[in-house]
PDB file of N, CA and C in Angstrom:
ATOM      1  N   MET A   1      14.760   4.520  44.365  1.00  0.00           N
ATOM      2  CA  MET A   1      15.191   3.723  43.239  1.00  0.00           C
ATOM      3  C   MET A   1      16.278   4.445  42.442  1.00  0.00           C
ATOM      4  N   GLY A   2      15.894   5.493  41.730  1.00  0.00           N
ATOM      5  CA  GLY A   2      16.852   6.162  40.882  1.00  0.00           C
ATOM      6  C   GLY A   2      17.554   7.309  41.546  1.00  0.00           C
ATOM      7  N   GLY A   3      16.966   7.818  42.572  1.00  0.00           N
ATOM      8  CA  GLY A   3      17.596   8.919  43.276  1.00  0.00           C
ATOM      9  C   GLY A   3      17.104  10.269  42.780  1.00  0.00           C
ATOM     10  N   PRO A   4      17.530  11.316  43.481  1.00  0.00           N
ATOM     11  CA  PRO A   4      17.046  12.653  43.141  1.00  0.00           C
ATOM     12  C   PRO A   4      17.573  13.158  41.792  1.00  0.00           C
ATOM     13  N   ARG A   5      18.737  12.721  41.373  1.00  0.00           N
ATOM     14  CA  ARG A   5      19.263  13.186  40.086  1.00  0.00           C
ATOM     15  C   ARG A   5      18.387  12.705  38.927  1.00  0.00           C
ATOM     16  N   LEU A   6      17.948  11.456  39.019  1.00  0.00           N
ATOM     17  CA  LEU A   6      17.068  10.914  37.980  1.00  0.00           C
ATOM     18  C   LEU A   6      15.750  11.663  37.945  1.00  0.00           C
ATOM     19  N   GLU A   7      15.211  11.977  39.123  1.00  0.00           N
ATOM     20  CA  GLU A   7      13.949  12.699  39.177  1.00  0.00           C
ATOM     21  C   GLU A   7      14.082  14.103  38.592  1.00  0.00           C
ATOM     22  N   VAL A   8      15.188  14.764  38.848  1.00  0.00           N
ATOM     23  CA  VAL A   8      15.424  16.093  38.289  1.00  0.00           C
ATOM     24  C   VAL A   8      15.556  16.004  36.775  1.00  0.00           C
ATOM     25  N   PHE A   9      16.265  14.968  36.296  1.00  0.00           N
ATOM     26  CA  PHE A   9      16.397  14.789  34.858  1.00  0.00           C
ATOM     27  C   PHE A   9      15.042  14.529  34.211  1.00  0.00           C
ATOM     28  N   LYS A  10      14.237  13.657  34.820  1.00  0.00           N
ATOM     29  CA  LYS A  10      12.912  13.355  34.272  1.00  0.00           C
ATOM     30  C   LYS A  10      12.035  14.597  34.252  1.00  0.00           C
ATOM     31  N   PHE A  11      12.073  15.371  35.331  1.00  0.00           N
ATOM     32  CA  PHE A  11      11.285  16.597  35.383  1.00  0.00           C
ATOM     33  C   PHE A  11      11.708  17.558  34.276  1.00  0.00           C
ATOM     34  N   GLY A  12      12.996  17.740  34.112  1.00  0.00           N
ATOM     35  CA  GLY A  12      13.482  18.629  33.056  1.00  0.00           C
ATOM     36  C   GLY A  12      13.088  18.142  31.679  1.00  0.00           C
ATOM     37  N   PHE A  13      13.159  16.840  31.472  1.00  0.00           N
ATOM     38  CA  PHE A  13      12.763  16.280  30.180  1.00  0.00           C
ATOM     39  C   PHE A  13      11.278  16.491  29.937  1.00  0.00           C
ATOM     40  N   TYR A  14      10.428  16.231  30.921  1.00  0.00           N
ATOM     41  CA  TYR A  14       8.985  16.391  30.774  1.00  0.00           C
ATOM     42  C   TYR A  14       8.601  17.839  30.516  1.00  0.00           C
ATOM     43  N   VAL A  15       9.362  18.775  31.067  1.00  0.00           N
ATOM     44  CA  VAL A  15       9.042  20.191  30.897  1.00  0.00           C
ATOM     45  C   VAL A  15       9.601  20.734  29.594  1.00  0.00           C
ATOM     46  N   PHE A  16      10.862  20.427  29.303  1.00  0.00           N
ATOM     47  CA  PHE A  16      11.525  21.092  28.181  1.00  0.00           C
ATOM     48  C   PHE A  16      11.371  20.380  26.841  1.00  0.00           C
ATOM     49  N   PHE A  17      11.057  19.100  26.821  1.00  0.00           N
ATOM     50  CA  PHE A  17      10.866  18.421  25.547  1.00  0.00           C
ATOM     51  C   PHE A  17       9.678  18.988  24.769  1.00  0.00           C
ATOM     52  N   PRO A  18       8.507  19.160  25.376  1.00  0.00           N
ATOM     53  CA  PRO A  18       7.404  19.774  24.619  1.00  0.00           C
ATOM     54  C   PRO A  18       7.706  21.207  24.183  1.00  0.00           C
ATOM     55  N   VAL A  19       8.413  21.948  25.025  1.00  0.00           N
ATOM     56  CA  VAL A  19       8.770  23.324  24.666  1.00  0.00           C
ATOM     57  C   VAL A  19       9.697  23.321  23.456  1.00  0.00           C
ATOM     58  N   GLY A  20      10.686  22.439  23.446  1.00  0.00           N
ATOM     59  CA  GLY A  20      11.593  22.340  22.308  1.00  0.00           C
ATOM     60  C   GLY A  20      10.882  21.902  21.045  1.00  0.00           C
ATOM     61  N   ALA A  21       9.956  20.951  21.189  1.00  0.00           N
ATOM     62  CA  ALA A  21       9.193  20.511  20.018  1.00  0.00           C
ATOM     63  C   ALA A  21       8.341  21.651  19.472  1.00  0.00           C
ATOM     64  N   MET A  22       7.738  22.426  20.345  1.00  0.00           N
ATOM     65  CA  MET A  22       6.930  23.567  19.894  1.00  0.00           C
ATOM     66  C   MET A  22       7.802  24.611  19.200  1.00  0.00           C
ATOM     67  N   LEU A  23       8.974  24.844  19.728  1.00  0.00           N
ATOM     68  CA  LEU A  23       9.868  25.823  19.103  1.00  0.00           C
ATOM     69  C   LEU A  23      10.315  25.359  17.722  1.00  0.00           C
ATOM     70  N   TYR A  24      10.608  24.065  17.577  1.00  0.00           N
ATOM     71  CA  TYR A  24      11.087  23.562  16.294  1.00  0.00           C
ATOM     72  C   TYR A  24       9.955  23.467  15.276  1.00  0.00           C
ATOM     73  N   PHE A  25       8.878  22.780  15.638  1.00  0.00           N
ATOM     74  CA  PHE A  25       7.803  22.543  14.685  1.00  0.00           C
ATOM     75  C   PHE A  25       6.889  23.745  14.505  1.00  0.00           C
ATOM     76  N   GLY A  26       6.899  24.674  15.442  1.00  0.00           N
ATOM     77  CA  GLY A  26       6.041  25.846  15.335  1.00  0.00           C
ATOM     78  C   GLY A  26       6.718  27.035  14.695  1.00  0.00           C
ATOM     79  N   GLY A  27       7.968  26.887  14.363  1.00  0.00           N
ATOM     80  CA  GLY A  27       8.713  28.000  13.780  1.00  0.00           C
ATOM     81  C   GLY A  27       8.378  28.236  12.317  1.00  0.00           C
ATOM     82  N   PRO A  28       8.582  29.447  11.835  1.00  0.00           N
ATOM     83  CA  PRO A  28       8.258  29.758  10.444  1.00  0.00           C
ATOM     84  C   PRO A  28       9.155  29.041   9.442  1.00  0.00           C
ATOM     85  N   GLU A  29      10.382  28.696   9.805  1.00  0.00           N
ATOM     86  CA  GLU A  29      11.266  27.995   8.886  1.00  0.00           C
ATOM     87  C   GLU A  29      10.711  26.595   8.577  1.00  0.00           C
ATOM     88  N   PHE A  30      10.241  25.913   9.608  1.00  0.00           N
ATOM     89  CA  PHE A  30       9.668  24.577   9.411  1.00  0.00           C
ATOM     90  C   PHE A  30       8.432  24.667   8.530  1.00  0.00           C
ATOM     91  N   TYR A  31       7.585  25.662   8.774  1.00  0.00           N
ATOM     92  CA  TYR A  31       6.377  25.841   7.980  1.00  0.00           C
ATOM     93  C   TYR A  31       6.719  26.099   6.517  1.00  0.00           C
ATOM     94  N   ASP A  32       7.651  27.005   6.282  1.00  0.00           N
ATOM     95  CA  ASP A  32       8.009  27.344   4.907  1.00  0.00           C
ATOM     96  C   ASP A  32       8.642  26.160   4.183  1.00  0.00           C
ATOM     97  N   LYS A  33       9.418  25.356   4.892  1.00  0.00           N
ATOM     98  CA  LYS A  33      10.144  24.266   4.250  1.00  0.00           C
ATOM     99  C   LYS A  33       9.267  23.035   4.002  1.00  0.00           C
ATOM    100  N   TYR A  34       8.394  22.679   4.949  1.00  0.00           N
ATOM    101  CA  TYR A  34       7.681  21.412   4.866  1.00  0.00           C
ATOM    102  C   TYR A  34       6.175  21.533   4.646  1.00  0.00           C
ATOM    103  N   VAL A  35       5.547  22.566   5.139  1.00  0.00           N
ATOM    104  CA  VAL A  35       4.090  22.612   5.143  1.00  0.00           C
ATOM    105  C   VAL A  35       3.530  23.459   4.017  1.00  0.00           C
ATOM    106  N   LYS A  36       4.172  24.537   3.689  1.00  0.00           N
ATOM    107  CA  LYS A  36       3.611  25.504   2.757  1.00  0.00           C
ATOM    108  C   LYS A  36       3.366  24.918   1.369  1.00  0.00           C
ATOM    109  N   GLY A  37       4.205  24.006   0.924  1.00  0.00           N
ATOM    110  CA  GLY A  37       4.066  23.453  -0.410  1.00  0.00           C
ATOM    111  C   GLY A  37       3.007  22.382  -0.553  1.00  0.00           C
ATOM    112  N   ILE A  38       2.459  21.902   0.553  1.00  0.00           N
ATOM    113  CA  ILE A  38       1.467  20.836   0.496  1.00  0.00           C
ATOM    114  C   ILE A  38       0.124  21.419   0.086  1.00  0.00           C
ATOM    115  N   LYS A  39      -0.489  20.804  -0.928  1.00  0.00           N
ATOM    116  CA  LYS A  39      -1.823  21.238  -1.355  1.00  0.00           C
ATOM    117  C   LYS A  39      -2.828  20.460  -0.513  1.00  0.00           C
ATOM    118  N   PHE A  40      -3.346  21.099   0.512  1.00  0.00           N
ATOM    119  CA  PHE A  40      -4.213  20.415   1.459  1.00  0.00           C
ATOM    120  C   PHE A  40      -5.671  20.428   1.010  1.00  0.00           C
ATOM    121  N   TRP A  41      -6.179  21.584   0.630  1.00  0.00           N
ATOM    122  CA  TRP A  41      -7.580  21.704   0.242  1.00  0.00           C
ATOM    123  C   TRP A  41      -7.722  21.505  -1.259  1.00  0.00           C
ATOM    124  N   PRO A  42      -8.787  20.851  -1.701  1.00  0.00           N
ATOM    125  CA  PRO A  42      -8.984  20.660  -3.140  1.00  0.00           C
ATOM    126  C   PRO A  42      -9.334  21.980  -3.825  1.00  0.00           C
ATOM    127  N   ASP A  43      -9.155  21.991  -5.122  1.00  0.00           N
ATOM    128  CA  ASP A  43      -9.465  23.180  -5.903  1.00  0.00           C
ATOM    129  C   ASP A  43     -10.967  23.442  -5.854  1.00  0.00           C
ATOM    130  N   ILE A  44     -11.355  24.675  -5.690  1.00  0.00           N
ATOM    131  CA  ILE A  44     -12.780  25.027  -5.543  1.00  0.00           C
ATOM    132  C   ILE A  44     -13.571  24.722  -6.808  1.00  0.00           C
ATOM    133  N   ASN A  45     -12.916  24.752  -7.959  1.00  0.00           N
ATOM    134  CA  ASN A  45     -13.628  24.498  -9.219  1.00  0.00           C
ATOM    135  C   ASN A  45     -13.907  23.023  -9.438  1.00  0.00           C
ATOM    136  N   THR A  46     -13.167  22.137  -8.794  1.00  0.00           N
ATOM    137  CA  THR A  46     -13.359  20.705  -8.995  1.00  0.00           C
ATOM    138  C   THR A  46     -14.161  20.046  -7.880  1.00  0.00           C
ATOM    139  N   THR A  47     -14.542  20.770  -6.859  1.00  0.00           N
ATOM    140  CA  THR A  47     -15.288  20.169  -5.756  1.00  0.00           C
ATOM    141  C   THR A  47     -16.772  20.096  -6.096  1.00  0.00           C
ATOM    142  N   TYR A  48     -17.475  19.243  -5.373  1.00  0.00           N
ATOM    143  CA  TYR A  48     -18.899  19.072  -5.581  1.00  0.00           C
ATOM    144  C   TYR A  48     -19.642  20.282  -5.031  1.00  0.00           C
ATOM    145  N   LYS A  49     -20.546  20.801  -5.825  1.00  0.00           N
ATOM    146  CA  LYS A  49     -21.379  21.918  -5.381  1.00  0.00           C
ATOM    147  C   LYS A  49     -22.810  21.411  -5.219  1.00  0.00           C
ATOM    148  N   PRO A  50     -23.330  21.409  -4.010  1.00  0.00           N
ATOM    149  CA  PRO A  50     -24.692  20.904  -3.812  1.00  0.00           C
ATOM    150  C   PRO A  50     -25.701  21.819  -4.483  1.00  0.00           C
ATOM    151  N   PRO A  51     -26.833  21.252  -4.890  1.00  0.00           N
ATOM    152  CA  PRO A  51     -27.853  22.078  -5.542  1.00  0.00           C
ATOM    153  C   PRO A  51     -28.398  23.127  -4.585  1.00  0.00           C
ATOM    154  N   SER A  52     -28.688  24.305  -5.137  1.00  0.00           N
ATOM    155  CA  SER A  52     -29.138  25.395  -4.284  1.00  0.00           C
ATOM    156  C   SER A  52     -30.574  25.815  -4.565  1.00  0.00           C
ATOM    157  N   THR A  53     -31.076  25.578  -5.764  1.00  0.00           N
ATOM    158  CA  THR A  53     -32.465  25.941  -6.071  1.00  0.00           C
ATOM    159  C   THR A  53     -33.313  24.681  -6.074  1.00  0.00           C
ATOM    160  N   SER A  54     -34.622  24.877  -6.014  1.00  0.00           N
ATOM    161  CA  SER A  54     -35.519  23.722  -5.962  1.00  0.00           C
ATOM    162  C   SER A  54     -35.474  22.927  -7.268  1.00  0.00           C
ATOM    163  N   GLU A  55     -35.277  23.600  -8.389  1.00  0.00           N
ATOM    164  CA  GLU A  55     -35.186  22.879  -9.664  1.00  0.00           C
ATOM    165  C   GLU A  55     -33.928  22.006  -9.703  1.00  0.00           C
ATOM    166  N   GLU A  56     -32.815  22.558  -9.198  1.00  0.00           N
ATOM    167  CA  GLU A  56     -31.576  21.782  -9.159  1.00  0.00           C
ATOM    168  C   GLU A  56     -31.714  20.589  -8.218  1.00  0.00           C
ATOM    169  N   VAL A  57     -32.405  20.778  -7.100  1.00  0.00           N
ATOM    170  CA  VAL A  57     -32.611  19.686  -6.160  1.00  0.00           C
ATOM    171  C   VAL A  57     -33.454  18.591  -6.808  1.00  0.00           C
ATOM    172  N   LYS A  58     -34.515  18.978  -7.498  1.00  0.00           N
ATOM    173  CA  LYS A  58     -35.375  17.987  -8.154  1.00  0.00           C
ATOM    174  C   LYS A  58     -34.613  17.233  -9.241  1.00  0.00           C
ATOM    175  N   SER A  59     -33.827  17.947 -10.029  1.00  0.00           N
ATOM    176  CA  SER A  59     -33.087  17.266 -11.090  1.00  0.00           C
ATOM    177  C   SER A  59     -32.015  16.343 -10.504  1.00  0.00           C
ATOM    178  N   ALA A  60     -31.363  16.764  -9.425  1.00  0.00           N
ATOM    179  CA  ALA A  60     -30.367  15.906  -8.781  1.00  0.00           C
ATOM    180  C   ALA A  60     -31.029  14.672  -8.177  1.00  0.00           C
ATOM    181  N   LEU A  61     -32.191  14.839  -7.590  1.00  0.00           N
ATOM    182  CA  LEU A  61     -32.918  13.712  -7.024  1.00  0.00           C
ATOM    183  C   LEU A  61     -33.344  12.734  -8.117  1.00  0.00           C
ATOM    184  N   ASP A  62     -33.846  13.250  -9.234  1.00  0.00           N
ATOM    185  CA  ASP A  62     -34.213  12.378 -10.353  1.00  0.00           C
ATOM    186  C   ASP A  62     -33.003  11.623 -10.896  1.00  0.00           C
ATOM    187  N   LYS A  63     -31.883  12.296 -10.974  1.00  0.00           N
ATOM    188  CA  LYS A  63     -30.654  11.654 -11.452  1.00  0.00           C
ATOM    189  C   LYS A  63     -30.231  10.540 -10.504  1.00  0.00           C
ATOM    190  N   MET A  64     -30.291  10.795  -9.182  1.00  0.00           N
ATOM    191  CA  MET A  64     -29.917   9.771  -8.211  1.00  0.00           C
ATOM    192  C   MET A  64     -30.872   8.580  -8.269  1.00  0.00           C
ATOM    193  N   LYS A  65     -32.157   8.848  -8.439  1.00  0.00           N
ATOM    194  CA  LYS A  65     -33.127   7.752  -8.545  1.00  0.00           C
ATOM    195  C   LYS A  65     -32.863   6.913  -9.783  1.00  0.00           C
ATOM    196  N   ALA A  66     -32.561   7.565 -10.909  1.00  0.00           N
ATOM    197  CA  ALA A  66     -32.272   6.831 -12.142  1.00  0.00           C
ATOM    198  C   ALA A  66     -31.021   5.981 -11.988  1.00  0.00           C
ATOM    199  N   GLU A  67     -29.989   6.515 -11.358  1.00  0.00           N
ATOM    200  CA  GLU A  67     -28.764   5.741 -11.134  1.00  0.00           C
ATOM    201  C   GLU A  67     -29.028   4.553 -10.227  1.00  0.00           C
ATOM    202  N   ARG A  68     -29.843   4.738  -9.195  1.00  0.00           N
ATOM    203  CA  ARG A  68     -30.156   3.646  -8.272  1.00  0.00           C
ATOM    204  C   ARG A  68     -30.947   2.549  -8.986  1.00  0.00           C
ATOM    205  N   GLU A  69     -31.942   2.950  -9.787  1.00  0.00           N
ATOM    206  CA  GLU A  69     -32.719   1.962 -10.529  1.00  0.00           C
ATOM    207  C   GLU A  69     -31.844   1.206 -11.526  1.00  0.00           C
ATOM    208  N   ASP A  70     -30.904   1.902 -12.148  1.00  0.00           N
ATOM    209  CA  ASP A  70     -29.991   1.255 -13.086  1.00  0.00           C
ATOM    210  C   ASP A  70     -29.117   0.233 -12.360  1.00  0.00           C
ATOM    211  N   ARG A  71     -28.623   0.598 -11.175  1.00  0.00           N
ATOM    212  CA  ARG A  71     -27.838  -0.362 -10.388  1.00  0.00           C
ATOM    213  C   ARG A  71     -28.670  -1.572 -10.012  1.00  0.00           C
ATOM    214  N   TRP A  72     -29.917  -1.355  -9.621  1.00  0.00           N
ATOM    215  CA  TRP A  72     -30.803  -2.465  -9.258  1.00  0.00           C
ATOM    216  C   TRP A  72     -31.048  -3.380 -10.458  1.00  0.00           C
ATOM    217  N   ARG A  73     -31.289  -2.757 -11.624  1.00  0.00           N
ATOM    218  CA  ARG A  73     -31.531  -3.563 -12.825  1.00  0.00           C
ATOM    219  C   ARG A  73     -30.308  -4.402 -13.176  1.00  0.00           C
ATOM    220  N   ARG A  74     -29.121  -3.793 -13.131  1.00  0.00           N
ATOM    221  CA  ARG A  74     -27.898  -4.534 -13.450  1.00  0.00           C
ATOM    222  C   ARG A  74     -27.668  -5.662 -12.453  1.00  0.00           C
ATOM    223  N   ALA A  75     -27.940  -5.409 -11.177  1.00  0.00           N
ATOM    224  CA  ALA A  75     -27.774  -6.456 -10.165  1.00  0.00           C
ATOM    225  C   ALA A  75     -28.777  -7.583 -10.389  1.00  0.00           C
ATOM    226  N   LEU A  76     -30.004  -7.252 -10.774  1.00  0.00           N
ATOM    227  CA  LEU A  76     -31.020  -8.273 -11.030  1.00  0.00           C
ATOM    228  C   LEU A  76     -30.645  -9.106 -12.252  1.00  0.00           C
ATOM    229  N   VAL A  77     -30.170  -8.457 -13.306  1.00  0.00           N
ATOM    230  CA  VAL A  77     -29.759  -9.186 -14.503  1.00  0.00           C
ATOM    231  C   VAL A  77     -28.581 -10.092 -14.179  1.00  0.00           C
ATOM    232  N   LYS A  78     -27.646  -9.587 -13.417  1.00  0.00           N
ATOM    233  CA  LYS A  78     -26.486 -10.396 -13.038  1.00  0.00           C
ATOM    234  C   LYS A  78     -26.912 -11.594 -12.201  1.00  0.00           C
ATOM    235  N   LYS A  79     -27.831 -11.376 -11.283  1.00  0.00           N
ATOM    236  CA  LYS A  79     -28.308 -12.472 -10.438  1.00  0.00           C
ATOM    237  C   LYS A  79     -29.044 -13.509 -11.278  1.00  0.00           C
ATOM    238  N   ASN A  80     -29.861 -13.047 -12.209  1.00  0.00           N
ATOM    239  CA  ASN A  80     -30.593 -13.975 -13.080  1.00  0.00           C
ATOM    240  C   ASN A  80     -29.631 -14.758 -13.967  1.00  0.00           C
ATOM    241  N   ASP A  81     -28.612 -14.096 -14.493  1.00  0.00           N
ATOM    242  CA  ASP A  81     -27.619 -14.786 -15.321  1.00  0.00           C
ATOM    243  C   ASP A  81     -26.877 -15.840 -14.512  1.00  0.00           C
ATOM    244  N   GLU A  82     -26.542 -15.521 -13.275  1.00  0.00           N
ATOM    245  CA  GLU A  82     -25.854 -16.487 -12.425  1.00  0.00           C
ATOM    246  C   GLU A  82     -26.748 -17.675 -12.099  1.00  0.00           C
ATOM    247  N   SER A  83     -28.026 -17.398 -11.850  1.00  0.00           N
ATOM    248  CA  SER A  83     -28.923 -18.503 -11.521  1.00  0.00           C
ATOM    249  C   SER A  83     -29.155 -19.391 -12.738  1.00  0.00           C
ATOM    250  N   ILE A  84     -29.219 -18.793 -13.933  1.00  0.00           N
ATOM    251  CA  ILE A  84     -29.375 -19.593 -15.147  1.00  0.00           C
ATOM    252  C   ILE A  84     -28.128 -20.434 -15.373  1.00  0.00           C
ATOM    253  N   THR A  85     -26.968 -19.831 -15.172  1.00  0.00           N
ATOM    254  CA  THR A  85     -25.704 -20.556 -15.333  1.00  0.00           C
ATOM    255  C   THR A  85     -25.614 -21.699 -14.326  1.00  0.00           C
ATOM    256  N   ASN A  86     -26.016 -21.461 -13.102  1.00  0.00           N
ATOM    257  CA  ASN A  86     -25.987 -22.510 -12.074  1.00  0.00           C
ATOM    258  C   ASN A  86     -26.976 -23.619 -12.398  1.00  0.00           C
ATOM    259  N   ASP A  87     -28.148 -23.269 -12.938  1.00  0.00           N
ATOM    260  CA  ASP A  87     -29.141 -24.282 -13.315  1.00  0.00           C
ATOM    261  C   ASP A  87     -28.629 -25.147 -14.456  1.00  0.00           C
ATOM    262  N   GLU A  88     -27.919 -24.542 -15.422  1.00  0.00           N
ATOM    263  CA  GLU A  88     -27.366 -25.310 -16.534  1.00  0.00           C
ATOM    264  C   GLU A  88     -26.278 -26.260 -16.057  1.00  0.00           C
ATOM    265  N   LYS A  89     -25.514 -25.840 -15.064  1.00  0.00           N
ATOM    266  CA  LYS A  89     -24.440 -26.685 -14.551  1.00  0.00           C
ATOM    267  C   LYS A  89     -24.987 -27.899 -13.820  1.00  0.00           C
ATOM    268  N   THR A  90     -26.127 -27.731 -13.148  1.00  0.00           N
ATOM    269  CA  THR A  90     -26.687 -28.843 -12.399  1.00  0.00           C
ATOM    270  C   THR A  90     -27.368 -29.842 -13.305  1.00  0.00           C
ATOM    271  N   LEU A  91     -27.745 -29.456 -14.514  1.00  0.00           N
ATOM    272  CA  LEU A  91     -28.396 -30.396 -15.422  1.00  0.00           C
ATOM    273  C   LEU A  91     -27.439 -31.268 -16.084  1.00  0.00           C
TER     274      LEU A  91
END
């Protein structure tokens, strides 16, 4: 189809394109110019720290349970308000 010249060109492209990309993107100039300034990891002081003692675990669990119950209560009140509103509309 294309002949031996095309095959040689394709072979050279398949071999040398990844090498050229590695040389360009793997070089220190590229890193210093584009990558070094990016803040990738969050600040250690602002990240979540899981509880480490049993008292901290218990207090965190109680807090999560209280938040869940509060969400359930708000959802129940909202559902009741909607059902009352719907009942008034049908009358």
